[in-house]
């Protein structure tokens, strides 16, 4: 199976803000960024999957209009009560323990990286049974990191230090 992992383009004014499953706007440069992404893709996919959040959905509709399979399991990690808060405003008593063990600990009313891993791998197992051939997955950095960690045998606690994923980046991986 040939897999194209595609991160959404840059969100508008989110630097320093904690966001995961919040539906945020994209930069005004979306069209130019999307063109760069599309230039890196092969002409046709057997299947296209996407997070339903608008920052992914807009790009997915350009890849293959009206034939995208949206799945909530492809959403970014849920930061719970931290969503849309400046990172600097999150109480250190909550943030520091999570920073030390983000794999197992979750923000209040949110999910841990292990929770994200479980839901993404559940989705991935279903995709593999479909045997779709060449696929595009338009999603978020956390989801891409979890998948690449799985494909490459990288421990989850190293996926942020060992795997970098920029806005609008396309990572191609052959699996199976």
N, C-alpha and C. Protein backbone atom coordinates (compact mmCIF):
# COMPACT_ATOMS: atom_id res chain seq x y z
N UNK A 1 0.85 -1.17 0.00
CA UNK A 1 0.00 0.00 0.00
C UNK A 1 0.90 1.24 0.00
N UNK A 2 0.55 2.19 -0.84
CA UNK A 2 1.28 3.46 -0.89
C UNK A 2 0.43 4.52 -0.19
N UNK A 3 1.01 5.16 0.82
CA UNK A 3 0.27 6.07 1.68
C UNK A 3 0.87 7.47 1.60
N UNK A 4 0.04 8.45 1.31
CA UNK A 4 0.45 9.85 1.33
C UNK A 4 -0.19 10.50 2.54
N UNK A 5 0.64 10.85 3.52
CA UNK A 5 0.18 11.53 4.73
C UNK A 5 0.34 13.02 4.49
N UNK A 6 -0.74 13.76 4.59
CA UNK A 6 -0.74 15.18 4.24
C UNK A 6 -1.26 15.98 5.42
N UNK A 7 -0.40 16.89 5.91
CA UNK A 7 -0.85 17.76 6.99
C UNK A 7 -1.55 18.98 6.40
N UNK A 8 -2.60 19.41 7.05
CA UNK A 8 -3.33 20.61 6.63
C UNK A 8 -2.40 21.80 6.53
N UNK A 9 -2.84 22.84 5.83
CA UNK A 9 -2.05 24.07 5.69
C UNK A 9 -2.14 24.89 6.98
N UNK A 10 -1.45 26.03 6.99
CA UNK A 10 -1.31 26.84 8.20
C UNK A 10 -2.62 27.45 8.68
N UNK A 11 -2.91 27.30 9.98
CA UNK A 11 -4.08 27.96 10.55
C UNK A 11 -3.78 29.44 10.82
N UNK A 12 -4.83 30.21 10.90
CA UNK A 12 -4.71 31.65 11.09
C UNK A 12 -4.44 31.98 12.57
N UNK A 13 -3.38 32.72 12.82
CA UNK A 13 -3.08 33.32 14.13
C UNK A 13 -3.20 32.36 15.31
N UNK A 14 -2.60 31.17 15.21
CA UNK A 14 -2.71 30.21 16.30
C UNK A 14 -1.38 30.02 17.04
N UNK A 15 -0.37 30.81 16.71
CA UNK A 15 0.92 30.67 17.38
C UNK A 15 0.75 30.93 18.88
N UNK A 16 1.24 29.98 19.67
CA UNK A 16 1.16 30.11 21.12
C UNK A 16 -0.18 29.70 21.71
N UNK A 17 -1.10 29.22 20.86
CA UNK A 17 -2.43 28.82 21.32
C UNK A 17 -2.53 27.30 21.26
N UNK A 18 -3.10 26.71 22.29
CA UNK A 18 -3.33 25.27 22.33
C UNK A 18 -4.60 24.97 21.55
N UNK A 19 -4.47 24.23 20.48
CA UNK A 19 -5.66 23.82 19.73
C UNK A 19 -5.42 22.42 19.19
N UNK A 20 -6.45 21.66 19.16
CA UNK A 20 -6.38 20.31 18.65
C UNK A 20 -7.64 20.05 17.86
N UNK A 21 -8.74 19.77 18.54
CA UNK A 21 -9.99 19.48 17.85
C UNK A 21 -10.86 20.71 17.63
N UNK A 22 -10.37 21.87 18.01
CA UNK A 22 -11.12 23.09 17.71
C UNK A 22 -11.05 23.35 16.21
N UNK A 23 -12.15 23.81 15.65
CA UNK A 23 -12.20 24.07 14.22
C UNK A 23 -11.75 25.51 13.99
N UNK A 24 -10.50 25.67 13.58
CA UNK A 24 -9.91 27.00 13.43
C UNK A 24 -9.79 27.36 11.95
N UNK A 25 -9.75 28.65 11.69
CA UNK A 25 -9.63 29.15 10.31
C UNK A 25 -8.23 28.95 9.77
N UNK A 26 -8.14 28.93 8.44
CA UNK A 26 -6.84 28.82 7.77
C UNK A 26 -6.34 30.20 7.38
N UNK A 27 -5.03 30.29 7.19
CA UNK A 27 -4.40 31.53 6.74
C UNK A 27 -4.96 31.96 5.39
N UNK A 28 -4.84 33.24 5.10
CA UNK A 28 -5.27 33.76 3.80
C UNK A 28 -4.42 33.21 2.66
N UNK A 29 -3.30 32.59 3.00
CA UNK A 29 -2.40 32.01 2.00
C UNK A 29 -2.80 30.58 1.64
N UNK A 30 -4.00 30.15 2.06
CA UNK A 30 -4.43 28.77 1.83
C UNK A 30 -4.29 28.34 0.37
N UNK A 31 -4.74 29.15 -0.56
CA UNK A 31 -4.73 28.75 -1.98
C UNK A 31 -3.31 28.46 -2.46
N UNK A 32 -2.37 29.34 -2.14
CA UNK A 32 -0.98 29.13 -2.55
C UNK A 32 -0.38 27.90 -1.86
N UNK A 33 -0.68 27.73 -0.57
CA UNK A 33 -0.17 26.57 0.16
C UNK A 33 -0.76 25.28 -0.40
N UNK A 34 -2.05 25.30 -0.70
CA UNK A 34 -2.72 24.12 -1.24
C UNK A 34 -2.14 23.73 -2.61
N UNK A 35 -1.83 24.71 -3.43
CA UNK A 35 -1.23 24.43 -4.74
C UNK A 35 0.11 23.71 -4.59
N UNK A 36 0.90 24.11 -3.61
CA UNK A 36 2.18 23.45 -3.35
C UNK A 36 1.97 22.00 -2.93
N UNK A 37 0.95 21.76 -2.12
CA UNK A 37 0.63 20.39 -1.71
C UNK A 37 0.22 19.57 -2.93
N UNK A 38 -0.70 20.09 -3.70
CA UNK A 38 -1.22 19.36 -4.86
C UNK A 38 -0.12 19.03 -5.86
N UNK A 39 0.87 19.91 -5.98
CA UNK A 39 2.00 19.67 -6.90
C UNK A 39 2.83 18.46 -6.49
N UNK A 40 2.76 18.06 -5.23
CA UNK A 40 3.55 16.93 -4.72
C UNK A 40 2.81 15.59 -4.81
N UNK A 41 1.57 15.62 -5.26
CA UNK A 41 0.75 14.42 -5.24
C UNK A 41 0.67 13.76 -6.61
N UNK A 42 0.53 12.43 -6.63
CA UNK A 42 0.31 11.75 -7.91
C UNK A 42 -1.09 12.09 -8.42
N UNK A 43 -1.34 11.81 -9.65
CA UNK A 43 -2.61 12.19 -10.26
C UNK A 43 -3.84 11.57 -9.66
N UNK A 44 -3.77 10.33 -9.22
CA UNK A 44 -4.99 9.64 -8.79
C UNK A 44 -4.74 8.79 -7.55
N UNK A 45 -5.76 8.74 -6.69
CA UNK A 45 -5.73 7.90 -5.51
C UNK A 45 -6.86 6.89 -5.57
N UNK A 46 -6.63 5.72 -4.97
CA UNK A 46 -7.68 4.72 -4.86
C UNK A 46 -8.66 5.09 -3.75
N UNK A 47 -8.19 5.84 -2.76
CA UNK A 47 -9.06 6.30 -1.67
C UNK A 47 -8.42 7.54 -1.03
N UNK A 48 -9.28 8.44 -0.58
CA UNK A 48 -8.84 9.64 0.13
C UNK A 48 -9.62 9.72 1.44
N UNK A 49 -8.88 9.84 2.53
CA UNK A 49 -9.46 9.92 3.87
C UNK A 49 -9.08 11.26 4.48
N UNK A 50 -9.94 11.80 5.33
CA UNK A 50 -9.65 13.09 5.92
C UNK A 50 -10.31 13.25 7.28
N UNK A 51 -9.67 14.05 8.10
CA UNK A 51 -10.32 14.57 9.30
C UNK A 51 -11.46 15.46 8.83
N UNK A 52 -12.58 15.47 9.56
CA UNK A 52 -13.70 16.33 9.16
C UNK A 52 -13.52 17.79 9.56
N UNK A 53 -12.46 18.12 10.29
CA UNK A 53 -12.24 19.52 10.67
C UNK A 53 -11.95 20.34 9.41
N UNK A 54 -12.46 21.55 9.36
CA UNK A 54 -12.40 22.35 8.13
C UNK A 54 -10.98 22.59 7.62
N UNK A 55 -9.99 22.65 8.50
CA UNK A 55 -8.62 22.89 8.02
C UNK A 55 -8.10 21.72 7.20
N UNK A 56 -8.66 20.54 7.38
CA UNK A 56 -8.32 19.37 6.55
C UNK A 56 -9.31 19.23 5.40
N UNK A 57 -10.57 19.45 5.70
CA UNK A 57 -11.64 19.25 4.72
C UNK A 57 -11.43 20.13 3.49
N UNK A 58 -11.04 21.37 3.66
CA UNK A 58 -10.83 22.27 2.51
C UNK A 58 -9.78 21.71 1.56
N UNK A 59 -8.70 21.19 2.12
CA UNK A 59 -7.64 20.63 1.30
C UNK A 59 -8.09 19.31 0.67
N UNK A 60 -8.77 18.48 1.43
CA UNK A 60 -9.23 17.19 0.91
C UNK A 60 -10.14 17.37 -0.29
N UNK A 61 -11.01 18.36 -0.25
CA UNK A 61 -11.93 18.59 -1.37
C UNK A 61 -11.19 19.02 -2.64
N UNK A 62 -10.00 19.57 -2.50
CA UNK A 62 -9.19 19.90 -3.67
C UNK A 62 -8.50 18.67 -4.24
N UNK A 63 -8.16 17.73 -3.36
CA UNK A 63 -7.48 16.51 -3.81
C UNK A 63 -8.43 15.65 -4.63
N UNK A 64 -9.63 15.44 -4.13
CA UNK A 64 -10.62 14.63 -4.85
C UNK A 64 -12.02 15.10 -4.43
N UNK A 65 -12.58 16.06 -5.12
CA UNK A 65 -13.89 16.60 -4.73
C UNK A 65 -14.97 15.52 -4.67
N UNK A 66 -15.75 15.58 -3.61
CA UNK A 66 -16.94 14.73 -3.43
C UNK A 66 -16.66 13.23 -3.26
N UNK A 67 -15.41 12.83 -3.08
CA UNK A 67 -15.11 11.41 -2.90
C UNK A 67 -14.23 11.16 -1.68
N UNK A 68 -14.27 12.07 -0.74
CA UNK A 68 -13.45 11.96 0.46
C UNK A 68 -14.23 11.18 1.53
N UNK A 69 -13.52 10.29 2.22
CA UNK A 69 -14.11 9.56 3.34
C UNK A 69 -13.66 10.25 4.63
N UNK A 70 -14.59 10.93 5.28
CA UNK A 70 -14.28 11.66 6.52
C UNK A 70 -14.45 10.74 7.71
N UNK A 71 -13.54 10.88 8.67
CA UNK A 71 -13.60 10.03 9.84
C UNK A 71 -13.14 10.82 11.06
N UNK A 72 -13.96 10.82 12.10
CA UNK A 72 -13.63 11.55 13.33
C UNK A 72 -12.35 11.04 13.99
N UNK A 73 -12.00 9.79 13.73
CA UNK A 73 -10.78 9.24 14.33
C UNK A 73 -9.52 9.86 13.75
N UNK A 74 -9.66 10.64 12.68
CA UNK A 74 -8.51 11.33 12.08
C UNK A 74 -8.37 12.76 12.59
N UNK A 75 -9.19 13.13 13.58
CA UNK A 75 -9.05 14.45 14.20
C UNK A 75 -7.78 14.50 15.04
N UNK A 76 -7.31 15.71 15.27
CA UNK A 76 -6.15 15.93 16.13
C UNK A 76 -6.49 15.51 17.56
N UNK A 77 -5.46 15.40 18.39
CA UNK A 77 -5.66 15.07 19.80
C UNK A 77 -6.59 16.11 20.43
N UNK A 78 -7.41 15.66 21.36
CA UNK A 78 -8.35 16.53 22.05
C UNK A 78 -7.66 17.07 23.30
N UNK A 79 -7.49 18.39 23.35
CA UNK A 79 -6.84 19.02 24.50
C UNK A 79 -7.84 19.43 25.58
N UNK A 80 -9.09 19.02 25.46
CA UNK A 80 -10.07 19.26 26.51
C UNK A 80 -10.22 20.72 26.87
N UNK A 81 -10.13 21.02 28.17
CA UNK A 81 -10.33 22.40 28.64
C UNK A 81 -9.21 23.33 28.22
N UNK A 82 -8.12 22.79 27.71
CA UNK A 82 -7.02 23.64 27.24
C UNK A 82 -7.27 24.20 25.84
N UNK A 83 -8.23 23.64 25.12
CA UNK A 83 -8.49 24.08 23.75
C UNK A 83 -8.68 25.59 23.68
N UNK A 84 -7.96 26.20 22.73
CA UNK A 84 -8.00 27.63 22.41
C UNK A 84 -7.48 28.53 23.53
N UNK A 85 -6.76 27.94 24.48
CA UNK A 85 -6.13 28.72 25.54
C UNK A 85 -4.67 28.98 25.16
N UNK A 86 -4.14 30.17 25.48
CA UNK A 86 -2.70 30.36 25.30
C UNK A 86 -1.95 29.35 26.17
N UNK A 87 -0.93 28.74 25.59
CA UNK A 87 -0.15 27.76 26.36
C UNK A 87 0.35 28.37 27.67
N UNK A 88 0.73 29.64 27.63
CA UNK A 88 1.25 30.31 28.83
C UNK A 88 0.21 30.50 29.92
N UNK A 89 -1.08 30.38 29.58
CA UNK A 89 -2.15 30.54 30.57
C UNK A 89 -2.58 29.23 31.21
N UNK A 90 -2.07 28.13 30.70
CA UNK A 90 -2.43 26.83 31.28
C UNK A 90 -1.67 26.68 32.60
N UNK A 91 -2.37 26.40 33.68
CA UNK A 91 -1.70 26.31 34.99
C UNK A 91 -0.55 25.30 34.96
N UNK A 92 0.62 25.70 35.47
CA UNK A 92 1.76 24.78 35.51
C UNK A 92 1.45 23.48 36.25
N UNK A 93 0.54 23.54 37.22
CA UNK A 93 0.17 22.33 37.97
C UNK A 93 -0.52 21.30 37.06
N UNK A 94 -1.12 21.75 35.96
CA UNK A 94 -1.72 20.85 34.98
C UNK A 94 -0.75 20.54 33.85
N UNK A 95 -0.08 21.58 33.37
CA UNK A 95 0.78 21.45 32.19
C UNK A 95 2.04 20.63 32.45
N UNK A 96 2.70 20.89 33.55
CA UNK A 96 4.00 20.24 33.80
C UNK A 96 3.93 18.71 33.90
N UNK A 97 2.98 18.15 34.64
CA UNK A 97 2.89 16.68 34.67
C UNK A 97 2.61 16.11 33.26
N UNK A 98 1.73 16.79 32.51
CA UNK A 98 1.41 16.33 31.15
C UNK A 98 2.65 16.38 30.26
N UNK A 99 3.42 17.44 30.38
CA UNK A 99 4.65 17.58 29.56
C UNK A 99 5.62 16.44 29.86
N UNK A 100 5.65 15.99 31.10
CA UNK A 100 6.56 14.90 31.47
C UNK A 100 6.07 13.54 31.00
N UNK A 101 4.73 13.39 30.83
CA UNK A 101 4.19 12.09 30.42
C UNK A 101 2.95 12.27 29.53
N UNK A 102 3.14 12.97 28.39
CA UNK A 102 2.03 13.23 27.47
C UNK A 102 1.52 11.95 26.80
N UNK A 103 2.31 10.89 26.85
CA UNK A 103 1.85 9.62 26.27
C UNK A 103 0.68 9.08 27.08
N UNK A 104 0.80 9.10 28.40
CA UNK A 104 -0.21 8.47 29.27
C UNK A 104 -1.17 9.44 29.94
N UNK A 105 -0.77 10.68 30.14
CA UNK A 105 -1.62 11.65 30.83
C UNK A 105 -2.39 12.49 29.82
N UNK A 106 -3.59 12.88 30.21
CA UNK A 106 -4.40 13.71 29.32
C UNK A 106 -4.71 15.05 29.99
N UNK A 107 -4.91 16.09 29.17
CA UNK A 107 -5.38 17.35 29.73
C UNK A 107 -6.77 17.14 30.33
N UNK A 108 -7.23 18.02 31.22
CA UNK A 108 -8.57 17.87 31.77
C UNK A 108 -9.62 17.77 30.66
N UNK A 109 -10.42 16.73 30.70
CA UNK A 109 -11.49 16.46 29.73
C UNK A 109 -10.95 16.23 28.31
N UNK A 110 -9.66 15.92 28.20
CA UNK A 110 -9.06 15.68 26.89
C UNK A 110 -8.58 14.25 26.78
N UNK A 111 -7.61 14.04 25.90
CA UNK A 111 -7.09 12.69 25.71
C UNK A 111 -5.57 12.70 25.68
N UNK A 112 -5.01 11.57 26.02
CA UNK A 112 -3.55 11.39 26.01
C UNK A 112 -3.11 11.00 24.60
N UNK A 113 -1.81 10.99 24.39
CA UNK A 113 -1.28 10.53 23.11
C UNK A 113 -1.61 9.05 22.90
N UNK A 114 -1.63 8.29 23.99
CA UNK A 114 -2.00 6.88 23.89
C UNK A 114 -3.46 6.72 23.44
N UNK A 115 -4.34 7.60 23.91
CA UNK A 115 -5.74 7.59 23.45
C UNK A 115 -5.80 7.87 21.95
N UNK A 116 -5.07 8.88 21.51
CA UNK A 116 -5.00 9.21 20.08
C UNK A 116 -4.47 8.01 19.30
N UNK A 117 -3.42 7.42 19.79
CA UNK A 117 -2.81 6.25 19.15
C UNK A 117 -3.83 5.13 18.97
N UNK A 118 -4.60 4.84 20.01
CA UNK A 118 -5.59 3.76 19.94
C UNK A 118 -6.66 4.04 18.88
N UNK A 119 -7.18 5.27 18.85
CA UNK A 119 -8.25 5.54 17.88
C UNK A 119 -7.72 5.59 16.46
N UNK A 120 -6.52 6.10 16.26
CA UNK A 120 -5.95 6.15 14.91
C UNK A 120 -5.61 4.74 14.43
N UNK A 121 -5.05 3.91 15.31
CA UNK A 121 -4.73 2.53 14.88
C UNK A 121 -5.99 1.70 14.65
N UNK A 122 -7.05 1.96 15.38
CA UNK A 122 -8.32 1.29 15.10
C UNK A 122 -8.76 1.63 13.68
N UNK A 123 -8.70 2.92 13.33
CA UNK A 123 -9.05 3.36 11.97
C UNK A 123 -8.12 2.70 10.95
N UNK A 124 -6.83 2.69 11.22
CA UNK A 124 -5.84 2.13 10.30
C UNK A 124 -6.10 0.64 10.03
N UNK A 125 -6.46 -0.10 11.07
CA UNK A 125 -6.76 -1.52 10.88
C UNK A 125 -7.93 -1.70 9.91
N UNK A 126 -8.94 -0.87 10.02
CA UNK A 126 -10.08 -0.93 9.10
C UNK A 126 -9.66 -0.62 7.67
N UNK A 127 -8.83 0.39 7.50
CA UNK A 127 -8.35 0.76 6.16
C UNK A 127 -7.59 -0.39 5.53
N UNK A 128 -6.76 -1.05 6.31
CA UNK A 128 -5.97 -2.16 5.77
C UNK A 128 -6.86 -3.29 5.28
N UNK A 129 -7.99 -3.53 5.93
CA UNK A 129 -8.88 -4.61 5.48
C UNK A 129 -9.53 -4.26 4.14
N UNK A 130 -9.64 -2.96 3.84
CA UNK A 130 -10.20 -2.52 2.56
C UNK A 130 -9.19 -2.69 1.43
N UNK A 131 -7.88 -2.77 1.78
CA UNK A 131 -6.79 -2.90 0.80
C UNK A 131 -6.94 -1.89 -0.34
N UNK A 132 -6.94 -0.59 0.00
CA UNK A 132 -7.26 0.42 -1.01
C UNK A 132 -6.14 0.77 -2.00
N UNK A 133 -4.94 0.27 -1.84
CA UNK A 133 -3.86 0.60 -2.80
C UNK A 133 -3.19 1.91 -2.48
N UNK A 134 -3.30 2.90 -3.35
CA UNK A 134 -2.67 4.22 -3.16
C UNK A 134 -3.69 5.14 -2.47
N UNK A 135 -3.33 5.61 -1.27
CA UNK A 135 -4.28 6.43 -0.51
C UNK A 135 -3.66 7.75 -0.07
N UNK A 136 -4.53 8.73 0.11
CA UNK A 136 -4.15 10.03 0.69
C UNK A 136 -4.90 10.16 2.01
N UNK A 137 -4.19 10.65 3.01
CA UNK A 137 -4.78 10.90 4.33
C UNK A 137 -4.49 12.36 4.66
N UNK A 138 -5.53 13.19 4.69
CA UNK A 138 -5.37 14.60 5.01
C UNK A 138 -5.78 14.76 6.46
N UNK A 139 -4.81 15.14 7.29
CA UNK A 139 -5.05 15.12 8.72
C UNK A 139 -4.13 16.10 9.45
N UNK A 140 -3.82 15.80 10.68
CA UNK A 140 -3.11 16.70 11.59
C UNK A 140 -1.77 16.11 11.99
N UNK A 141 -0.91 16.95 12.55
CA UNK A 141 0.45 16.53 12.92
C UNK A 141 0.43 15.37 13.91
N UNK A 142 -0.45 15.41 14.90
CA UNK A 142 -0.49 14.33 15.89
C UNK A 142 -0.83 12.99 15.27
N UNK A 143 -1.81 12.98 14.39
CA UNK A 143 -2.21 11.75 13.72
C UNK A 143 -1.07 11.23 12.83
N UNK A 144 -0.45 12.14 12.10
CA UNK A 144 0.66 11.74 11.22
C UNK A 144 1.82 11.19 12.04
N UNK A 145 2.13 11.84 13.15
CA UNK A 145 3.22 11.35 14.00
C UNK A 145 2.93 9.95 14.54
N UNK A 146 1.68 9.73 14.98
CA UNK A 146 1.30 8.42 15.50
C UNK A 146 1.44 7.35 14.41
N UNK A 147 0.97 7.65 13.21
CA UNK A 147 1.09 6.67 12.12
C UNK A 147 2.54 6.41 11.75
N UNK A 148 3.33 7.47 11.62
CA UNK A 148 4.74 7.29 11.28
C UNK A 148 5.49 6.55 12.38
N UNK A 149 5.16 6.83 13.62
CA UNK A 149 5.79 6.10 14.73
C UNK A 149 5.47 4.61 14.60
N UNK A 150 4.24 4.30 14.27
CA UNK A 150 3.83 2.91 14.08
C UNK A 150 4.57 2.27 12.90
N UNK A 151 4.60 2.96 11.77
CA UNK A 151 5.24 2.44 10.56
C UNK A 151 6.75 2.23 10.76
N UNK A 152 7.37 3.16 11.51
CA UNK A 152 8.83 3.17 11.65
C UNK A 152 9.33 2.53 12.93
N UNK A 153 8.44 2.08 13.78
CA UNK A 153 8.85 1.46 15.03
C UNK A 153 9.44 2.44 16.03
N UNK A 154 8.95 3.67 16.04
CA UNK A 154 9.43 4.70 16.96
C UNK A 154 8.51 4.71 18.19
N UNK A 155 9.07 4.69 19.39
CA UNK A 155 8.22 4.75 20.59
C UNK A 155 7.42 6.06 20.63
N UNK A 156 6.21 6.01 21.15
CA UNK A 156 5.36 7.20 21.19
C UNK A 156 6.00 8.36 21.93
N UNK A 157 6.77 8.08 22.98
CA UNK A 157 7.39 9.18 23.73
C UNK A 157 8.47 9.91 22.93
N UNK A 158 8.83 9.37 21.77
CA UNK A 158 9.85 10.00 20.90
C UNK A 158 9.23 10.61 19.64
N UNK A 159 7.92 10.48 19.47
CA UNK A 159 7.34 10.91 18.19
C UNK A 159 7.39 12.42 17.97
N UNK A 160 7.46 13.22 19.03
CA UNK A 160 7.58 14.66 18.84
C UNK A 160 9.03 15.07 18.60
N UNK A 161 9.96 14.41 19.25
CA UNK A 161 11.37 14.75 19.06
C UNK A 161 11.93 14.14 17.78
N UNK A 162 11.43 12.98 17.36
CA UNK A 162 12.00 12.28 16.21
C UNK A 162 11.24 12.49 14.90
N UNK A 163 10.04 13.02 14.96
CA UNK A 163 9.23 13.19 13.75
C UNK A 163 8.74 14.63 13.66
N UNK A 164 9.17 15.32 12.63
CA UNK A 164 8.73 16.70 12.39
C UNK A 164 7.75 16.69 11.23
N UNK A 165 6.66 17.44 11.37
CA UNK A 165 5.65 17.52 10.31
C UNK A 165 5.22 18.98 10.19
N UNK A 166 5.58 19.62 9.08
CA UNK A 166 5.25 21.02 8.86
C UNK A 166 3.85 21.17 8.26
N UNK A 167 3.30 22.36 8.35
CA UNK A 167 2.02 22.64 7.70
C UNK A 167 2.16 22.41 6.20
N UNK A 168 1.20 21.72 5.62
CA UNK A 168 1.21 21.46 4.19
C UNK A 168 2.24 20.43 3.75
N UNK A 169 2.85 19.74 4.69
CA UNK A 169 3.86 18.74 4.32
C UNK A 169 3.20 17.45 3.86
N UNK A 170 3.84 16.82 2.85
CA UNK A 170 3.39 15.54 2.32
C UNK A 170 4.48 14.52 2.60
N UNK A 171 4.09 13.44 3.28
CA UNK A 171 5.02 12.35 3.58
C UNK A 171 4.49 11.10 2.89
N UNK A 172 5.32 10.51 2.02
CA UNK A 172 4.91 9.30 1.33
C UNK A 172 5.57 8.11 2.01
N UNK A 173 4.78 7.08 2.25
CA UNK A 173 5.30 5.88 2.91
C UNK A 173 4.70 4.66 2.24
N UNK A 174 5.55 3.69 1.97
CA UNK A 174 5.05 2.40 1.49
C UNK A 174 4.97 1.47 2.68
N UNK A 175 3.80 0.92 2.90
CA UNK A 175 3.60 -0.01 4.01
C UNK A 175 3.00 -1.30 3.46
N UNK A 176 3.31 -2.38 4.14
CA UNK A 176 2.83 -3.71 3.77
C UNK A 176 3.43 -4.18 2.52
